[in-house]
Amino acid sequence: MATVEHPRIRPGVLEERLYQSRIAERAVERNTLVVVPTGLGKTAIALRVAAEFLRREPTRSILLLAPTRPLVVQHGKSVTESLLAPPPLVLTGAVSAAHRATLFHPPQVIVATPQVVANDLARGAFPIDTVSLIVFDEAHRAVGDYPYVRIGESNRAGPRARVLAMTASPGSSLPTIRQVWANLSLEHVEYRTSDDPDVAPFVHGIGVEAVEVTVPAEVQHLAVRLRAAVRRQTDRLVELHRLPVGAVSRRPLLELGARLHAEVAGARTRREPAPAGVWAAITAQAAAMKGIHALELVETQGVEALRAFLARQADLKASPSLRAFLGDPDVVEVGSRLRGLELEHPKVQKVLDIVGEQLRGSPESRVLVFTQYRQTADLLLKEFAAQADPGIRAARFVGQATHGEDVGMSQREQVEQLRSFRSGMVNCLIATSVAEEGLDIPNTDLVVFYEPVPDVIRSIQRRGRTGRARAGRVVVLVAEGTRDVGLQRSARGKERRMHEMLERIEAEARSGSVRGPLPHVVQRSLEEFPPSE
């Protein structure tokens, strides 16, 4: 295997791949957005670009940003193992602001969370003028008020350091990409798909299958009751002329909530009373949203998840919307039925079966189970423990926040858990969204989605945890006749549209008709590979 030869890269560490070389060459010269499938070495590209800037501008620093603490630690390790440079300065919220201020001694390679850097920039405590290159990992986050946006602004106003933005999934709309483009001052796009000739030799197959499970009759009855409760509130909104007939899904209700609160805020600004009926509409909208959430929990997560949600609602300070929700006769009936119901969602047993089959058939395998809710992760962990199968060594992997009795994991615990997973001490990791982005777990053979996710970025990130070092398998659990079905269909459609959008951008670039903040876009650096027909 040929390896990269560079005066600032350790010999024999990075595999020489032509597409990485060509992408890195362009990224050195222009602010570049790199879009390549997960597992094809975005980090290796960043290391090559960083090495070249260390060579060209040895008196200036490199800033490498990543959105989560485990990912920052992982990148710090990659820098240490790959670059001929002083040990990187790794900064997360675990390092106090006062202590951070004593650690900046350019030139350095600084690996940090964006929150830390943005906070230090706001205090004038981060030496951004000394930076020659800024790497934004998971660059699709550079929208809205995410700290990447503030760092991009500071760079435009300050050193105008070279920008390398990396992601596996830029988003499902052209406006979103244009936001990222403008916020990070990008000039050029390099993207690859798994079908491109220079990438194909390094792509390992990923088989994706949807497995449907039947919702028990008892759960279906609870769902019918909760739909009736939601309908009662939406009918009230129709009476108030706030919602069209039949609009009972999450999106129109969310949009209505935003409009209602904007009306109240506008009235307060003008020092006027709120419009007639607005508070009644706010109450009905909030109660309907609680009902929809309860419905989704029981249909896609299970009875225990619904029971816990209703218990939390009962412990909250009473509000008009909470009284409307908990006092609804159908919600009251649901609570009564739950007290005598000992039944778990069939997804639980399906996860146990799928994971058990994988690990018994291939004991050296690693399995990742993704779930939206920590409570589901805890339930699955308990069920695996109850099986007492020595071949399944399961553990959970969640974020740091603690909510009451729901205790998060510290950064140290997260890092240790990933180390145990890589080594095989743990072979089944039950994770929430914190494990979706960027974590390098090269030998994961199976990824299970406990539920589909509608967001194309999250779906791609989850799926990309497998198929890195060898062929992988993805299983998505879908509860028949529930929101799961629509979400699964929606995720497939959004991903297809994202690919179509990238092809459109490529076509615009080739014809010279790119408009707006996308002045130069190229899919393939190698001209000998023509676009697919």
Protein backbone atom coordinates (compact mmCIF):
# COMPACT_ATOMS: atom_id res chain seq x y z
CA MET A 1 0.00 0.00 0.00
CA ALA A 2 1.42 3.37 -1.04
CA THR A 3 1.43 6.01 1.68
CA VAL A 4 1.53 9.81 1.65
CA GLU A 5 4.96 11.37 1.58
CA HIS A 6 5.07 14.90 2.96
CA PRO A 7 7.58 16.70 5.21
CA ARG A 8 4.91 17.34 7.87
CA ILE A 9 3.15 13.93 7.72
CA ARG A 10 4.52 10.93 9.60
CA PRO A 11 5.81 8.28 7.16
CA GLY A 12 3.59 5.27 6.55
CA VAL A 13 0.53 6.68 8.32
CA LEU A 14 -1.85 7.94 5.61
CA GLU A 15 -2.80 5.77 2.66
CA GLU A 16 -2.23 7.46 -0.70
CA ARG A 17 -5.59 7.85 -2.45
CA LEU A 18 -5.77 9.84 -5.64
CA TYR A 19 -9.15 11.43 -4.96
CA GLN A 20 -7.98 12.62 -1.53
CA SER A 21 -4.83 14.06 -3.07
CA ARG A 22 -6.72 15.96 -5.77
CA ILE A 23 -9.32 17.30 -3.32
CA ALA A 24 -6.60 18.41 -0.89
CA GLU A 25 -4.69 20.18 -3.66
CA ARG A 26 -7.73 22.32 -4.48
CA ALA A 27 -8.56 22.90 -0.82
CA VAL A 28 -5.10 24.35 -0.20
CA GLU A 29 -5.67 26.99 -2.86
CA ARG A 30 -9.34 27.94 -2.35
CA ASN A 31 -11.94 27.95 0.42
CA THR A 32 -13.54 24.58 -0.30
CA LEU A 33 -16.62 22.61 0.66
CA VAL A 34 -15.82 18.88 0.55
CA VAL A 35 -18.81 16.55 0.25
CA VAL A 36 -17.86 12.88 0.22
CA PRO A 37 -19.62 9.77 1.55
CA THR A 38 -18.95 8.87 5.17
CA GLY A 39 -16.00 6.53 5.56
CA LEU A 40 -13.99 7.84 2.61
CA GLY A 41 -11.50 9.82 4.64
CA LYS A 42 -12.60 13.42 5.19
CA THR A 43 -10.22 13.49 8.14
CA ALA A 44 -7.35 12.29 5.94
CA ILE A 45 -8.08 15.13 3.51
CA ALA A 46 -8.07 17.64 6.37
CA LEU A 47 -4.75 16.28 7.67
CA ARG A 48 -3.17 16.64 4.23
CA VAL A 49 -4.34 20.24 3.93
CA ALA A 50 -3.20 21.02 7.47
CA ALA A 51 0.23 19.51 6.78
CA GLU A 52 0.68 21.72 3.74
CA PHE A 53 -0.21 24.85 5.73
CA LEU A 54 2.22 23.81 8.46
CA ARG A 55 4.87 23.60 5.74
CA ARG A 56 3.95 26.85 3.98
CA GLU A 57 3.24 29.01 7.03
CA PRO A 58 5.18 27.48 9.93
CA THR A 59 4.69 30.53 12.19
CA ARG A 60 0.88 30.37 12.08
CA SER A 61 -1.67 28.07 13.74
CA ILE A 62 -4.19 25.56 12.44
CA LEU A 63 -7.73 25.49 13.87
CA LEU A 64 -9.71 22.25 13.51
CA LEU A 65 -13.32 22.43 14.71
CA ALA A 66 -15.71 19.56 15.44
CA PRO A 67 -19.21 19.73 16.94
CA THR A 68 -18.92 17.19 19.78
CA ARG A 69 -16.40 16.48 22.49
CA PRO A 70 -15.79 12.83 21.53
CA LEU A 71 -15.15 13.94 17.96
CA VAL A 72 -12.72 16.64 19.13
CA VAL A 73 -10.82 14.05 21.16
CA GLN A 74 -10.79 11.72 18.17
CA HIS A 75 -9.41 14.45 15.87
CA GLY A 76 -6.79 15.34 18.43
CA LYS A 77 -5.64 11.74 18.40
CA SER A 78 -5.51 11.74 14.57
CA VAL A 79 -3.40 14.90 14.56
CA THR A 80 -0.99 13.42 17.10
CA GLU A 81 -0.60 10.17 15.17
CA SER A 82 -0.40 11.70 11.68
CA LEU A 83 1.30 15.12 11.69
CA LEU A 84 4.90 16.01 12.43
CA ALA A 85 3.97 18.88 14.72
CA PRO A 86 3.86 19.71 18.43
CA PRO A 87 1.08 17.89 20.33
CA PRO A 88 -2.28 19.50 19.49
CA LEU A 89 -4.05 21.78 21.93
CA VAL A 90 -7.39 20.05 22.55
CA LEU A 91 -10.06 22.41 23.89
CA THR A 92 -13.56 21.56 25.06
CA GLY A 93 -15.86 23.01 27.68
CA ALA A 94 -14.04 20.84 30.23
CA VAL A 95 -11.18 23.37 30.10
CA SER A 96 -12.07 26.59 31.91
CA ALA A 97 -11.95 29.90 30.07
CA ALA A 98 -9.31 31.25 32.45
CA HIS A 99 -7.08 28.22 31.88
CA ARG A 100 -7.62 28.29 28.10
CA ALA A 101 -6.28 31.83 27.96
CA THR A 102 -2.90 30.60 29.25
CA LEU A 103 -2.60 27.84 26.64
CA PHE A 104 -2.46 29.86 23.41
CA HIS A 105 1.14 30.01 22.20
CA PRO A 106 1.18 30.18 18.38
CA PRO A 107 2.06 28.38 16.25
CA GLN A 108 -0.17 25.50 17.34
CA VAL A 109 -2.61 22.95 16.02
CA ILE A 110 -5.78 23.70 17.97
CA VAL A 111 -8.59 21.12 17.98
CA ALA A 112 -11.74 22.48 19.61
CA THR A 113 -15.50 22.55 19.85
CA PRO A 114 -16.99 25.61 18.13
CA GLN A 115 -18.75 26.70 21.32
CA VAL A 116 -15.41 27.14 23.07
CA VAL A 117 -13.85 29.14 20.23
CA ALA A 118 -16.94 31.32 19.70
CA ASN A 119 -17.09 32.14 23.42
CA ASP A 120 -13.40 33.03 23.50
CA LEU A 121 -13.78 35.16 20.36
CA ALA A 122 -16.62 37.08 22.03
CA ARG A 123 -14.27 37.90 24.92
CA GLY A 124 -11.40 38.76 22.60
CA ALA A 125 -9.47 35.86 24.09
CA PHE A 126 -8.89 33.68 21.01
CA PRO A 127 -5.89 34.52 18.80
CA ILE A 128 -7.67 34.11 15.48
CA ASP A 129 -5.24 36.51 13.76
CA THR A 130 -2.56 33.83 14.09
CA VAL A 131 -4.59 31.17 12.22
CA SER A 132 -3.79 30.19 8.62
CA LEU A 133 -6.36 27.39 8.17
CA ILE A 134 -9.76 26.70 9.73
CA VAL A 135 -11.30 23.25 9.26
CA PHE A 136 -15.06 23.03 9.87
CA ASP A 137 -16.00 19.38 10.34
CA GLU A 138 -19.70 18.53 9.88
CA ALA A 139 -19.97 21.86 8.06
CA HIS A 140 -23.70 21.45 7.38
CA ARG A 141 -24.19 22.89 10.86
CA ALA A 142 -23.05 26.36 9.72
CA VAL A 143 -26.56 27.81 9.62
CA GLY A 144 -28.75 29.83 11.96
CA ASP A 145 -27.07 30.74 15.24
CA TYR A 146 -24.72 27.75 15.42
CA PRO A 147 -21.21 28.88 16.58
CA TYR A 148 -19.71 28.00 13.19
CA VAL A 149 -21.50 31.07 11.84
CA ARG A 150 -19.86 33.43 14.36
CA ILE A 151 -16.44 31.90 13.74
CA GLY A 152 -16.94 32.38 10.01
CA GLU A 153 -17.80 36.04 10.60
CA SER A 154 -14.70 36.53 12.73
CA ASN A 155 -12.55 34.96 10.03
CA ARG A 156 -13.95 37.29 7.36
CA ALA A 157 -13.26 40.29 9.58
CA GLY A 158 -9.85 39.04 10.69
CA PRO A 159 -7.18 36.88 9.12
CA ARG A 160 -9.27 35.52 6.22
CA ALA A 161 -7.68 32.16 6.88
CA ARG A 162 -8.15 29.39 4.36
CA VAL A 163 -11.41 27.50 5.02
CA LEU A 164 -11.91 23.75 4.58
CA ALA A 165 -15.53 22.74 5.22
CA MET A 166 -16.33 19.00 5.32
CA THR A 167 -19.56 17.03 5.40
CA ALA A 168 -21.09 13.82 4.10
CA SER A 169 -24.49 15.45 3.66
CA PRO A 170 -24.78 19.19 2.93
CA GLY A 171 -28.56 19.24 3.25
CA SER A 172 -31.64 18.61 1.16
CA SER A 173 -32.16 22.09 -0.26
CA LEU A 174 -30.18 24.56 -2.29
CA PRO A 175 -30.98 27.46 0.10
CA THR A 176 -29.42 25.51 2.97
CA ILE A 177 -26.21 24.92 1.03
CA ARG A 178 -26.13 28.58 0.05
CA GLN A 179 -26.37 29.54 3.74
CA VAL A 180 -23.41 27.33 4.57
CA TRP A 181 -21.59 28.73 1.57
CA ALA A 182 -22.07 32.37 2.58
CA ASN A 183 -21.47 31.84 6.30
CA LEU A 184 -18.10 30.13 5.75
CA SER A 185 -16.96 32.29 2.79
CA LEU A 186 -16.66 29.30 0.49
CA GLU A 187 -15.43 29.49 -3.09
CA HIS A 188 -15.35 25.95 -4.42
CA VAL A 189 -17.06 22.59 -3.98
CA GLU A 190 -15.50 19.15 -4.35
CA TYR A 191 -17.97 16.30 -4.06
CA ARG A 192 -17.90 12.63 -4.76
CA THR A 193 -20.48 9.86 -4.76
CA SER A 194 -19.78 6.20 -4.18
CA ASP A 195 -20.23 5.63 -7.93
CA ASP A 196 -17.37 7.91 -9.02
CA PRO A 197 -14.52 5.91 -10.60
CA ASP A 198 -11.81 7.36 -8.35
CA VAL A 199 -13.86 6.55 -5.23
CA ALA A 200 -15.46 3.20 -6.11
CA PRO A 201 -12.41 1.03 -5.25
CA PHE A 202 -12.57 2.25 -1.65
CA VAL A 203 -16.33 1.88 -1.11
CA HIS A 204 -17.59 -1.07 0.91
CA GLY A 205 -21.16 -2.15 0.29
CA ILE A 206 -23.92 -1.20 2.72
CA GLY A 207 -27.13 -3.20 2.56
CA VAL A 208 -30.14 -1.26 3.84
CA GLU A 209 -33.36 -3.06 4.73
CA ALA A 210 -36.58 -1.93 6.36
CA VAL A 211 -38.09 -4.44 8.79
CA GLU A 212 -41.76 -3.91 9.59
CA VAL A 213 -43.24 -4.86 12.95
CA THR A 214 -46.92 -5.15 13.81
CA VAL A 215 -48.24 -2.89 16.56
CA PRO A 216 -50.23 -4.91 19.16
CA ALA A 217 -53.99 -4.36 19.34
CA GLU A 218 -53.71 -2.89 22.84
CA VAL A 219 -51.28 -0.25 21.61
CA GLN A 220 -53.46 0.46 18.57
CA HIS A 221 -56.37 1.16 20.91
CA LEU A 222 -54.28 3.65 22.89
CA ALA A 223 -53.32 5.29 19.62
CA VAL A 224 -56.97 5.62 18.59
CA ARG A 225 -57.73 7.38 21.87
CA LEU A 226 -54.79 9.75 21.49
CA ARG A 227 -55.77 10.59 17.90
CA ALA A 228 -59.22 11.50 19.19
CA ALA A 229 -57.64 13.81 21.77
CA VAL A 230 -55.57 15.52 19.08
CA ARG A 231 -58.62 15.83 16.84
CA ARG A 232 -60.55 17.52 19.65
CA GLN A 233 -57.92 20.27 19.82
CA THR A 234 -57.53 20.68 16.05
CA ASP A 235 -61.32 20.93 15.69
CA ARG A 236 -61.15 23.79 18.17
CA LEU A 237 -58.48 25.47 16.03
CA VAL A 238 -60.70 25.05 12.96
CA GLU A 239 -63.53 26.74 14.86
CA LEU A 240 -61.19 29.61 15.67
CA HIS A 241 -60.31 29.88 11.96
CA ARG A 242 -56.69 29.16 12.77
CA LEU A 243 -56.30 25.82 11.00
CA PRO A 244 -57.81 24.39 7.81
CA VAL A 245 -59.95 21.27 8.08
CA GLY A 246 -57.84 18.11 8.09
CA ALA A 247 -54.52 19.71 9.13
CA VAL A 248 -53.73 17.44 12.06
CA SER A 249 -50.06 16.66 11.49
CA ARG A 250 -47.03 18.04 13.27
CA ARG A 251 -45.81 20.50 10.64
CA PRO A 252 -48.96 22.67 10.23
CA LEU A 253 -49.33 22.76 14.00
CA LEU A 254 -45.73 23.87 14.46
CA GLU A 255 -46.15 26.55 11.81
CA LEU A 256 -49.35 27.71 13.50
CA GLY A 257 -47.59 27.89 16.87
CA ALA A 258 -44.91 30.15 15.41
CA ARG A 259 -47.55 32.44 13.89
CA LEU A 260 -49.54 32.65 17.11
CA HIS A 261 -46.55 33.56 19.24
CA ALA A 262 -45.47 36.12 16.64
CA GLU A 263 -48.91 37.73 16.94
CA VAL A 264 -48.55 37.94 20.72
CA ALA A 265 -45.03 39.37 20.45
CA GLY A 266 -46.19 41.96 17.91
CA ALA A 267 -49.05 43.04 20.15
CA ARG A 268 -46.70 43.43 23.10
CA THR A 269 -44.32 45.52 21.01
CA ARG A 270 -47.21 47.80 20.07
CA ARG A 271 -48.44 47.71 23.69
CA GLU A 272 -51.79 46.40 22.52
CA PRO A 273 -53.96 43.53 23.75
CA ALA A 274 -53.43 40.20 22.01
CA PRO A 275 -55.85 39.57 19.11
CA ALA A 276 -59.17 38.00 20.03
CA GLY A 277 -59.00 34.26 20.41
CA VAL A 278 -55.23 34.03 20.20
CA TRP A 279 -54.75 32.64 23.71
CA ALA A 280 -57.44 30.02 23.17
CA ALA A 281 -55.66 29.03 19.95
CA ILE A 282 -52.29 28.87 21.71
CA THR A 283 -53.80 26.57 24.35
CA ALA A 284 -55.35 24.26 21.75
CA GLN A 285 -52.20 24.20 19.61
CA ALA A 286 -49.95 23.31 22.57
CA ALA A 287 -52.36 20.62 23.79
CA ALA A 288 -52.52 19.15 20.28
CA MET A 289 -48.73 19.03 20.09
CA LYS A 290 -48.58 17.15 23.39
CA GLY A 291 -51.10 14.68 22.03
CA ILE A 292 -49.12 14.14 18.83
CA HIS A 293 -45.96 13.53 20.84
CA ALA A 294 -47.77 11.02 23.05
CA LEU A 295 -49.11 9.27 19.96
CA GLU A 296 -45.66 9.03 18.39
CA LEU A 297 -44.20 7.63 21.60
CA VAL A 298 -46.69 4.82 22.00
CA GLU A 299 -46.67 3.89 18.30
CA THR A 300 -42.93 4.00 17.68
CA GLN A 301 -41.28 3.60 21.11
CA GLY A 302 -43.59 1.69 23.40
CA VAL A 303 -45.90 1.70 26.38
CA GLU A 304 -43.18 2.54 28.90
CA ALA A 305 -42.18 5.64 26.93
CA LEU A 306 -45.77 6.89 26.92
CA ARG A 307 -46.22 6.08 30.62
CA ALA A 308 -43.08 8.05 31.50
CA PHE A 309 -44.15 11.01 29.34
CA LEU A 310 -47.56 11.26 30.97
CA ALA A 311 -45.95 11.01 34.42
CA ARG A 312 -43.60 13.88 33.57
CA GLN A 313 -46.50 15.99 32.34
CA ALA A 314 -48.41 15.36 35.57
CA ASP A 315 -45.42 16.64 37.57
CA LEU A 316 -45.20 19.91 35.64
CA LYS A 317 -46.68 23.19 36.82
CA ALA A 318 -50.23 23.39 35.54
CA SER A 319 -50.84 25.58 32.50
CA PRO A 320 -53.96 25.99 30.34
CA SER A 321 -52.56 23.73 27.62
CA LEU A 322 -51.42 21.10 30.13
CA ARG A 323 -54.84 21.07 31.78
CA ALA A 324 -56.48 20.79 28.35
CA PHE A 325 -54.27 17.84 27.46
CA LEU A 326 -54.29 15.88 30.72
CA GLY A 327 -58.00 16.63 31.28
CA ASP A 328 -59.06 15.36 27.88
CA PRO A 329 -61.39 12.35 28.41
CA ASP A 330 -59.47 10.20 25.93
CA VAL A 331 -56.12 11.02 27.58
CA VAL A 332 -57.64 10.21 30.96
CA GLU A 333 -58.80 6.85 29.55
CA VAL A 334 -55.32 6.18 28.15
CA GLY A 335 -53.79 6.83 31.56
CA SER A 336 -56.27 4.45 33.17
CA ARG A 337 -55.52 1.67 30.67
CA LEU A 338 -51.77 2.15 31.07
CA ARG A 339 -51.97 1.37 34.80
CA GLY A 340 -52.90 -2.21 34.10
CA LEU A 341 -50.97 -2.75 30.89
CA GLU A 342 -47.74 -4.73 30.93
CA LEU A 343 -46.73 -4.81 27.30
CA GLU A 344 -43.64 -3.75 25.41
CA HIS A 345 -43.27 -2.63 21.84
CA PRO A 346 -42.43 -5.45 19.40
CA LYS A 347 -39.45 -3.40 18.25
CA VAL A 348 -37.70 -4.30 21.49
CA GLN A 349 -37.78 -8.02 20.80
CA LYS A 350 -36.88 -7.41 17.16
CA VAL A 351 -33.74 -5.54 18.21
CA LEU A 352 -32.80 -8.38 20.57
CA ASP A 353 -33.30 -10.92 17.78
CA ILE A 354 -31.38 -8.99 15.09
CA VAL A 355 -28.44 -8.14 17.34
CA GLY A 356 -28.31 -11.62 18.81
CA GLU A 357 -28.30 -13.23 15.37
CA GLN A 358 -25.47 -10.95 14.22
CA LEU A 359 -23.25 -11.51 17.26
CA ARG A 360 -23.85 -15.22 17.52
CA GLY A 361 -23.08 -15.67 13.84
CA SER A 362 -20.06 -13.31 13.88
CA PRO A 363 -18.78 -12.94 17.46
CA GLU A 364 -16.11 -10.45 16.35
CA SER A 365 -18.77 -8.05 15.01
CA ARG A 366 -19.60 -4.62 16.36
CA VAL A 367 -23.21 -3.39 16.40
CA LEU A 368 -24.61 0.13 16.78
CA VAL A 369 -28.26 0.58 17.75
CA PHE A 370 -29.58 4.12 17.29
CA THR A 371 -32.63 5.39 19.10
CA GLN A 372 -34.20 8.82 19.37
CA TYR A 373 -34.83 8.60 23.11
CA ARG A 374 -32.59 7.86 26.06
CA GLN A 375 -35.39 6.02 27.80
CA THR A 376 -35.52 3.55 24.91
CA ALA A 377 -31.75 3.15 25.10
CA ASP A 378 -32.04 2.35 28.81
CA LEU A 379 -34.87 -0.11 28.17
CA LEU A 380 -32.89 -1.94 25.48
CA LEU A 381 -29.85 -2.09 27.75
CA LYS A 382 -31.99 -3.61 30.50
CA GLU A 383 -33.45 -6.17 28.10
CA PHE A 384 -30.01 -7.20 26.84
CA ALA A 385 -28.87 -7.61 30.44
CA ALA A 386 -31.94 -9.73 31.22
CA GLN A 387 -31.00 -12.11 28.41
CA ALA A 388 -27.70 -12.81 30.17
CA ASP A 389 -26.10 -13.80 26.87
CA PRO A 390 -22.31 -13.68 27.37
CA GLY A 391 -21.84 -13.11 23.63
CA ILE A 392 -23.68 -9.77 23.78
CA ARG A 393 -21.81 -7.09 25.70
CA ALA A 394 -24.07 -4.05 25.43
CA ALA A 395 -23.57 -0.52 26.73
CA ARG A 396 -25.23 2.83 26.18
CA PHE A 397 -23.74 5.95 24.61
CA VAL A 398 -25.60 9.22 25.26
CA GLY A 399 -24.89 12.94 25.57
CA GLN A 400 -23.68 14.83 28.57
CA ALA A 401 -26.84 16.60 29.69
CA THR A 402 -28.55 15.28 32.81
CA HIS A 403 -32.31 15.67 33.22
CA GLY A 404 -33.46 14.67 36.68
CA GLU A 405 -32.82 10.94 37.08
CA ASP A 406 -31.74 10.68 33.45
CA VAL A 407 -27.98 10.94 33.93
CA GLY A 408 -25.78 11.84 30.97
CA MET A 409 -22.24 10.70 30.24
CA SER A 410 -19.20 12.86 30.88
CA GLN A 411 -16.66 13.43 28.13
CA ARG A 412 -14.30 11.01 29.84
CA GLU A 413 -17.02 8.36 30.02
CA GLN A 414 -17.85 8.83 26.33
CA VAL A 415 -14.23 8.45 25.29
CA GLU A 416 -13.81 5.35 27.47
CA GLN A 417 -16.98 3.82 26.09
CA LEU A 418 -15.79 4.28 22.52
CA ARG A 419 -12.44 2.75 23.44
CA SER A 420 -14.24 -0.27 24.90
CA PHE A 421 -16.32 -0.57 21.74
CA ARG A 422 -13.30 -0.47 19.45
CA SER A 423 -11.45 -3.04 21.56
CA GLY A 424 -14.41 -5.43 21.74
CA MET A 425 -14.98 -5.21 25.48
CA VAL A 426 -18.34 -3.79 24.37
CA ASN A 427 -19.71 -5.17 21.11
CA CYS A 428 -23.17 -3.54 21.04
CA LEU A 429 -23.43 0.20 21.57
CA ILE A 430 -26.93 1.59 22.14
CA ALA A 431 -26.68 5.24 21.18
CA THR A 432 -28.67 8.41 20.80
CA SER A 433 -27.88 11.14 18.25
CA VAL A 434 -24.53 11.96 19.90
CA ALA A 435 -23.00 9.00 18.00
CA GLU A 436 -24.34 10.05 14.60
CA GLU A 437 -21.66 12.49 13.54
CA GLY A 438 -18.13 11.63 12.59
CA LEU A 439 -17.12 9.05 15.16
CA ASP A 440 -14.50 6.76 13.66
CA ILE A 441 -15.58 3.21 14.46
CA PRO A 442 -14.19 1.42 11.42
CA ASN A 443 -15.31 -2.15 12.08
CA THR A 444 -19.02 -1.67 12.81
CA ASP A 445 -20.82 -4.42 10.89
CA LEU A 446 -24.45 -3.69 11.72
CA VAL A 447 -26.37 -0.46 12.39
CA VAL A 448 -29.96 -0.68 13.64
CA PHE A 449 -32.33 2.29 13.49
CA TYR A 450 -34.92 1.78 16.23
CA GLU A 451 -37.01 4.28 14.28
CA PRO A 452 -36.60 6.05 10.92
CA VAL A 453 -35.36 9.64 11.01
CA PRO A 454 -36.83 12.23 8.63
CA ASP A 455 -33.72 14.38 8.47
CA VAL A 456 -31.57 13.40 5.47
CA ILE A 457 -28.35 14.49 7.18
CA ARG A 458 -29.00 12.38 10.28
CA SER A 459 -30.05 9.39 8.19
CA ILE A 460 -26.84 9.53 6.14
CA GLN A 461 -24.71 10.05 9.25
CA ARG A 462 -26.27 7.09 11.05
CA ARG A 463 -25.89 4.83 8.05
CA GLY A 464 -22.30 5.92 7.59
CA ARG A 465 -21.25 4.35 10.88
CA THR A 466 -20.96 1.04 9.00
CA GLY A 467 -19.40 -0.04 5.70
CA ARG A 468 -16.08 1.61 6.50
CA ALA A 469 -13.51 -1.15 6.78
CA ARG A 470 -15.72 -3.83 5.22
CA ALA A 471 -19.24 -4.40 3.93
CA GLY A 472 -21.94 -3.41 6.40
CA ARG A 473 -25.64 -3.82 7.03
CA VAL A 474 -28.29 -1.31 8.08
CA VAL A 475 -31.69 -2.33 9.46
CA VAL A 476 -34.46 0.25 9.92
CA LEU A 477 -37.37 -0.80 12.15
CA VAL A 478 -40.76 0.45 10.95
CA ALA A 479 -43.96 0.08 12.96
CA GLU A 480 -46.77 -0.71 10.52
CA GLY A 481 -49.48 1.90 10.12
CA THR A 482 -47.64 4.56 12.14
CA ARG A 483 -45.62 7.70 11.58
CA ASP A 484 -42.60 5.43 10.99
CA VAL A 485 -43.91 4.53 7.53
CA GLY A 486 -44.09 8.14 6.39
CA LEU A 487 -40.73 9.01 7.90
CA GLN A 488 -39.02 6.11 6.13
CA ARG A 489 -40.53 7.14 2.81
CA SER A 490 -39.66 10.79 3.43
CA ALA A 491 -36.02 10.03 4.28
CA ARG A 492 -35.54 8.11 1.03
CA GLY A 493 -37.10 10.90 -1.01
CA LYS A 494 -35.05 13.64 0.62
CA GLU A 495 -31.79 11.80 0.05
CA ARG A 496 -32.69 11.23 -3.59
CA ARG A 497 -33.45 14.95 -3.98
CA MET A 498 -30.13 15.86 -2.38
CA HIS A 499 -28.28 13.83 -4.98
CA GLU A 500 -30.38 15.38 -7.75
CA MET A 501 -29.61 18.84 -6.38
CA LEU A 502 -25.87 18.17 -6.42
CA GLU A 503 -26.15 16.98 -10.01
CA ARG A 504 -28.00 20.19 -10.83
CA ILE A 505 -25.26 22.28 -9.24
CA GLU A 506 -22.67 20.38 -11.21
CA ALA A 507 -24.57 20.97 -14.44
CA GLU A 508 -24.87 24.69 -13.69
CA ALA A 509 -21.13 24.88 -13.05
CA ARG A 510 -20.30 23.13 -16.31
CA SER A 511 -22.59 25.45 -18.25
CA GLY A 512 -21.32 28.55 -16.44
CA SER A 513 -24.80 29.44 -15.21
CA VAL A 514 -24.28 29.08 -11.46
CA ARG A 515 -26.06 31.93 -9.70
CA GLY A 516 -26.02 33.42 -6.24
CA PRO A 517 -23.36 32.53 -3.68
CA LEU A 518 -22.12 29.46 -5.57
CA PRO A 519 -19.63 30.95 -8.06
CA HIS A 520 -17.59 27.81 -8.69
CA VAL A 521 -18.62 24.19 -8.26
CA VAL A 522 -16.86 21.04 -9.47
CA GLN A 523 -17.81 17.46 -8.77
CA ARG A 524 -14.82 15.61 -10.15
CA SER A 525 -11.30 16.96 -10.08
CA LEU A 526 -10.18 14.36 -12.64
CA GLU A 527 -11.27 15.60 -16.04
CA GLU A 528 -10.86 12.18 -17.59
CA PHE A 529 -13.93 11.00 -15.71
CA PRO A 530 -16.94 12.45 -17.59
CA PRO A 531 -20.26 12.93 -15.83
CA SER A 532 -22.64 9.99 -15.80
CA GLU A 533 -25.31 10.01 -18.49
